[in-house]
Amino acid sequence: MMERPTLAISAGEPSGIGPELCAMLAVRHAERPFDARLVVLGDRELLAQRAARIGLAPRYAPFDAASFAPSGGVVEVWHQPLAAPVTDIVRQGPRSCAVSPMCRPSRSE
């Protein structure tokens, strides 16, 4: 039996769309499994919260490098705890411009 490759997937910026994309990938993997072991690197609580926010319930399992990949289209999570709380920039509205000057509205002269 040939061993499947392992793919490490970064959950990306915690306040970005990466956690939601990981949830969509995990749901797709449960429906039609990829021929690979999928391991998401990210905070497991954040991944679960963001999946719930978009109405998904992906099947995540803790990653264990010493064990075989789980069967049944389960995506493993290599838990990387957040260093600081996540700030949702979308909810900050105009204040988010203090974070990123690129989001400031342009002024017509």
Foldseek 3Di string as FASTA:
>chain_A
DDAAAEDEAELPDLLDCSLVVVLVVQVVCLVPNDSHAAEYEEAPVSSCVVCVVVPGDGAEAADDPVDGRDDRSYHYYPHDDDPDDDDNLVVVPPVSCVVPVVPDDDDDD
